[in-house]
């Protein structure tokens, strides 16, 4: 299974995986609007990989089959205050 990965022009560390190059027909219009103009990042053969850097490969494959796209968003920023309180024993 091949997929094409695009990075968002508007959202840092946000990627859209689709099945075919420049085919966004199964991606909701609202998502494309908030994503901005997709910028080609890479083409991958998921069948020859065991894992991906920022996403669970099984979830990506399943999403591509079920809905025709997968959206990878960055993890939420860590709360420095929460980390400080946890490390100092206060909660």
N, C-alpha and C. Protein backbone atom coordinates (compact mmCIF):
# COMPACT_ATOMS: atom_id res chain seq x y z
N UNK A 1 0.84 -1.18 0.00
CA UNK A 1 0.00 0.00 0.00
C UNK A 1 0.89 1.25 0.00
N UNK A 2 0.68 2.09 -0.99
CA UNK A 2 1.41 3.35 -1.07
C UNK A 2 0.56 4.46 -0.48
N UNK A 3 1.22 5.49 0.03
CA UNK A 3 0.51 6.68 0.46
C UNK A 3 1.37 7.90 0.16
N UNK A 4 0.70 9.02 0.05
CA UNK A 4 1.36 10.29 -0.23
C UNK A 4 1.13 11.18 0.98
N UNK A 5 2.19 11.80 1.46
CA UNK A 5 2.11 12.61 2.67
C UNK A 5 2.33 14.08 2.30
N UNK A 6 1.41 14.90 2.79
CA UNK A 6 1.49 16.34 2.59
C UNK A 6 1.61 17.03 3.94
N UNK A 7 2.39 18.11 4.01
CA UNK A 7 2.45 18.90 5.23
C UNK A 7 1.57 20.12 5.07
N UNK A 8 1.08 20.59 6.19
CA UNK A 8 0.18 21.74 6.19
C UNK A 8 0.96 23.04 6.02
N UNK A 9 0.40 23.94 5.25
CA UNK A 9 0.98 25.27 5.09
C UNK A 9 0.58 26.17 6.26
N UNK A 10 -0.46 25.78 6.99
CA UNK A 10 -0.97 26.64 8.07
C UNK A 10 -0.70 26.11 9.47
N UNK A 11 -0.51 24.82 9.61
CA UNK A 11 -0.36 24.22 10.95
C UNK A 11 0.96 23.47 11.04
N UNK A 12 1.79 23.90 11.98
CA UNK A 12 3.10 23.30 12.18
C UNK A 12 2.96 21.83 12.60
N UNK A 13 3.80 20.99 12.06
CA UNK A 13 3.88 19.57 12.37
C UNK A 13 2.56 18.82 12.12
N UNK A 14 1.81 19.26 11.14
CA UNK A 14 0.54 18.61 10.80
C UNK A 14 0.66 18.05 9.39
N UNK A 15 0.30 16.76 9.25
CA UNK A 15 0.48 16.06 7.98
C UNK A 15 -0.80 15.35 7.58
N UNK A 16 -1.04 15.30 6.28
CA UNK A 16 -2.20 14.63 5.72
C UNK A 16 -1.71 13.50 4.81
N UNK A 17 -2.16 12.29 5.10
CA UNK A 17 -1.81 11.11 4.31
C UNK A 17 -3.00 10.79 3.41
N UNK A 18 -2.75 10.60 2.13
CA UNK A 18 -3.79 10.18 1.19
C UNK A 18 -3.27 9.03 0.34
N UNK A 19 -4.17 8.37 -0.36
CA UNK A 19 -3.79 7.18 -1.13
C UNK A 19 -3.09 7.51 -2.45
N UNK A 20 -3.48 8.61 -3.09
CA UNK A 20 -2.93 8.95 -4.40
C UNK A 20 -2.51 10.41 -4.44
N UNK A 21 -1.47 10.68 -5.19
CA UNK A 21 -0.95 12.05 -5.30
C UNK A 21 -2.03 13.00 -5.81
N UNK A 22 -2.19 14.09 -5.08
CA UNK A 22 -3.11 15.17 -5.43
C UNK A 22 -4.58 14.75 -5.48
N UNK A 23 -4.92 13.63 -4.85
CA UNK A 23 -6.32 13.18 -4.81
C UNK A 23 -6.86 13.42 -3.41
N UNK A 24 -7.56 14.52 -3.24
CA UNK A 24 -8.15 14.88 -1.95
C UNK A 24 -9.67 14.71 -1.96
N UNK A 25 -10.15 13.89 -2.88
CA UNK A 25 -11.59 13.73 -3.07
C UNK A 25 -12.30 13.15 -1.85
N UNK A 26 -11.60 12.38 -1.03
CA UNK A 26 -12.24 11.77 0.15
C UNK A 26 -11.96 12.56 1.43
N UNK A 27 -11.22 13.65 1.32
CA UNK A 27 -10.90 14.49 2.48
C UNK A 27 -12.01 15.54 2.63
N UNK A 28 -12.58 15.67 3.84
CA UNK A 28 -13.65 16.66 4.03
C UNK A 28 -13.18 18.08 3.70
N UNK A 29 -14.05 18.85 3.08
CA UNK A 29 -13.73 20.22 2.66
C UNK A 29 -13.29 21.08 3.85
N UNK A 30 -13.96 20.94 4.98
CA UNK A 30 -13.60 21.74 6.16
C UNK A 30 -12.17 21.44 6.63
N UNK A 31 -11.78 20.18 6.55
CA UNK A 31 -10.42 19.80 6.93
C UNK A 31 -9.41 20.41 5.96
N UNK A 32 -9.68 20.34 4.67
CA UNK A 32 -8.77 20.93 3.69
C UNK A 32 -8.64 22.44 3.87
N UNK A 33 -9.74 23.08 4.21
CA UNK A 33 -9.73 24.53 4.41
C UNK A 33 -8.85 24.90 5.60
N UNK A 34 -8.96 24.17 6.70
CA UNK A 34 -8.16 24.47 7.89
C UNK A 34 -6.71 23.99 7.74
N UNK A 35 -6.47 23.05 6.85
CA UNK A 35 -5.14 22.50 6.60
C UNK A 35 -4.30 23.47 5.76
N UNK A 36 -4.96 24.20 4.88
CA UNK A 36 -4.25 25.09 3.96
C UNK A 36 -3.82 24.32 2.72
N UNK A 37 -3.09 24.98 1.85
CA UNK A 37 -2.64 24.33 0.62
C UNK A 37 -1.66 23.22 0.96
N UNK A 38 -2.00 21.96 0.64
CA UNK A 38 -1.10 20.84 0.95
C UNK A 38 0.23 20.97 0.21
N UNK A 39 1.31 20.75 0.95
CA UNK A 39 2.65 20.79 0.38
C UNK A 39 3.22 19.38 0.38
N UNK A 40 3.54 18.86 -0.80
CA UNK A 40 4.02 17.49 -0.92
C UNK A 40 5.26 17.28 -0.06
N UNK A 41 5.21 16.25 0.76
CA UNK A 41 6.33 15.94 1.64
C UNK A 41 7.06 14.69 1.17
N UNK A 42 6.30 13.58 0.98
CA UNK A 42 6.93 12.35 0.51
C UNK A 42 5.90 11.32 0.09
N UNK A 43 6.39 10.29 -0.61
CA UNK A 43 5.58 9.14 -0.99
C UNK A 43 6.20 7.93 -0.30
N UNK A 44 5.36 7.13 0.36
CA UNK A 44 5.85 5.97 1.10
C UNK A 44 5.13 4.70 0.68
N UNK A 45 5.86 3.60 0.69
CA UNK A 45 5.27 2.28 0.53
C UNK A 45 5.07 1.73 1.93
N UNK A 46 3.85 1.78 2.42
CA UNK A 46 3.57 1.32 3.79
C UNK A 46 3.73 -0.18 3.94
N UNK A 47 3.63 -0.90 2.86
CA UNK A 47 3.78 -2.35 2.90
C UNK A 47 5.19 -2.80 3.21
N UNK A 48 6.16 -1.94 3.00
CA UNK A 48 7.55 -2.29 3.24
C UNK A 48 8.10 -1.67 4.51
N UNK A 49 7.22 -1.08 5.32
CA UNK A 49 7.65 -0.44 6.56
C UNK A 49 6.99 -1.13 7.75
N UNK A 50 7.69 -1.10 8.87
CA UNK A 50 7.13 -1.64 10.11
C UNK A 50 6.59 -0.55 11.01
N UNK A 51 7.15 0.68 10.89
CA UNK A 51 6.67 1.78 11.71
C UNK A 51 6.91 3.10 11.00
N UNK A 52 6.26 4.12 11.52
CA UNK A 52 6.42 5.49 11.03
C UNK A 52 6.92 6.36 12.17
N UNK A 53 7.55 7.46 11.84
CA UNK A 53 8.13 8.33 12.86
C UNK A 53 7.08 8.95 13.78
N UNK A 54 6.01 9.49 13.22
CA UNK A 54 5.07 10.23 14.04
C UNK A 54 3.66 9.67 14.11
N UNK A 55 3.46 8.46 13.60
CA UNK A 55 2.11 7.89 13.58
C UNK A 55 2.18 6.37 13.66
N UNK A 56 1.11 5.78 14.13
CA UNK A 56 0.99 4.33 14.21
C UNK A 56 0.65 3.81 12.81
N UNK A 57 1.52 3.01 12.25
CA UNK A 57 1.35 2.57 10.86
C UNK A 57 0.06 1.79 10.64
N UNK A 58 -0.36 1.01 11.61
CA UNK A 58 -1.61 0.24 11.47
C UNK A 58 -2.81 1.19 11.42
N UNK A 59 -2.79 2.24 12.26
CA UNK A 59 -3.89 3.22 12.24
C UNK A 59 -3.92 3.98 10.93
N UNK A 60 -2.74 4.31 10.40
CA UNK A 60 -2.67 5.01 9.12
C UNK A 60 -3.25 4.13 8.01
N UNK A 61 -2.83 2.88 7.96
CA UNK A 61 -3.33 1.97 6.93
C UNK A 61 -4.84 1.79 7.03
N UNK A 62 -5.34 1.62 8.25
CA UNK A 62 -6.78 1.41 8.43
C UNK A 62 -7.56 2.66 8.04
N UNK A 63 -7.06 3.83 8.43
CA UNK A 63 -7.74 5.08 8.08
C UNK A 63 -7.76 5.29 6.57
N UNK A 64 -6.67 4.96 5.90
CA UNK A 64 -6.64 5.10 4.44
C UNK A 64 -7.68 4.19 3.78
N UNK A 65 -7.80 2.97 4.30
CA UNK A 65 -8.80 2.05 3.75
C UNK A 65 -10.22 2.50 4.06
N UNK A 66 -10.47 2.91 5.30
CA UNK A 66 -11.82 3.26 5.73
C UNK A 66 -12.30 4.61 5.23
N UNK A 67 -11.46 5.63 5.35
CA UNK A 67 -11.92 6.98 5.02
C UNK A 67 -11.14 7.67 3.90
N UNK A 68 -10.03 7.06 3.47
CA UNK A 68 -9.28 7.62 2.35
C UNK A 68 -8.23 8.64 2.71
N UNK A 69 -8.07 8.92 4.01
CA UNK A 69 -7.05 9.87 4.46
C UNK A 69 -6.73 9.60 5.93
N UNK A 70 -5.59 10.14 6.36
CA UNK A 70 -5.21 10.09 7.77
C UNK A 70 -4.60 11.45 8.10
N UNK A 71 -5.02 12.05 9.20
CA UNK A 71 -4.49 13.33 9.63
C UNK A 71 -3.58 13.12 10.83
N UNK A 72 -2.33 13.54 10.70
CA UNK A 72 -1.36 13.45 11.79
C UNK A 72 -1.17 14.84 12.37
N UNK A 73 -1.51 15.00 13.65
CA UNK A 73 -1.34 16.28 14.32
C UNK A 73 -0.30 16.14 15.42
N UNK A 74 0.37 17.23 15.78
CA UNK A 74 1.40 17.14 16.81
C UNK A 74 0.77 16.88 18.17
N UNK A 75 1.54 16.28 19.08
CA UNK A 75 1.02 16.09 20.43
C UNK A 75 0.82 17.44 21.10
N UNK A 76 -0.08 17.51 22.07
CA UNK A 76 -0.29 18.79 22.76
C UNK A 76 0.97 19.18 23.52
N UNK A 77 1.22 20.48 23.67
CA UNK A 77 2.41 20.91 24.41
C UNK A 77 2.30 20.50 25.87
N UNK A 78 3.43 20.17 26.44
CA UNK A 78 3.44 19.77 27.84
C UNK A 78 3.29 20.99 28.72
N UNK A 79 2.59 20.82 29.81
CA UNK A 79 2.42 21.90 30.77
C UNK A 79 3.66 21.96 31.66
N UNK A 80 4.41 23.04 31.54
CA UNK A 80 5.61 23.18 32.37
C UNK A 80 5.26 23.28 33.84
N UNK A 81 4.14 23.93 34.17
CA UNK A 81 3.72 24.02 35.56
C UNK A 81 3.39 22.64 36.11
N UNK A 82 2.67 21.84 35.34
CA UNK A 82 2.32 20.49 35.78
C UNK A 82 3.58 19.65 35.99
N UNK A 83 4.53 19.75 35.05
CA UNK A 83 5.78 19.00 35.21
C UNK A 83 6.53 19.44 36.46
N UNK A 84 6.57 20.74 36.73
CA UNK A 84 7.26 21.26 37.91
C UNK A 84 6.61 20.74 39.18
N UNK A 85 5.28 20.80 39.23
CA UNK A 85 4.58 20.33 40.42
C UNK A 85 4.77 18.84 40.65
N UNK A 86 4.76 18.05 39.57
CA UNK A 86 4.97 16.62 39.70
C UNK A 86 6.37 16.31 40.19
N UNK A 87 7.36 17.04 39.68
CA UNK A 87 8.75 16.80 40.07
C UNK A 87 9.06 17.29 41.47
N UNK A 88 8.31 18.28 41.95
CA UNK A 88 8.57 18.82 43.29
C UNK A 88 7.73 18.13 44.35
N UNK A 89 6.88 17.19 43.94
CA UNK A 89 6.04 16.46 44.89
C UNK A 89 4.78 17.19 45.27
N UNK A 90 4.51 18.33 44.67
CA UNK A 90 3.29 19.08 44.93
C UNK A 90 2.28 18.73 43.86
N UNK A 91 1.02 18.75 44.20
CA UNK A 91 -0.01 18.46 43.19
C UNK A 91 -1.25 19.21 43.38
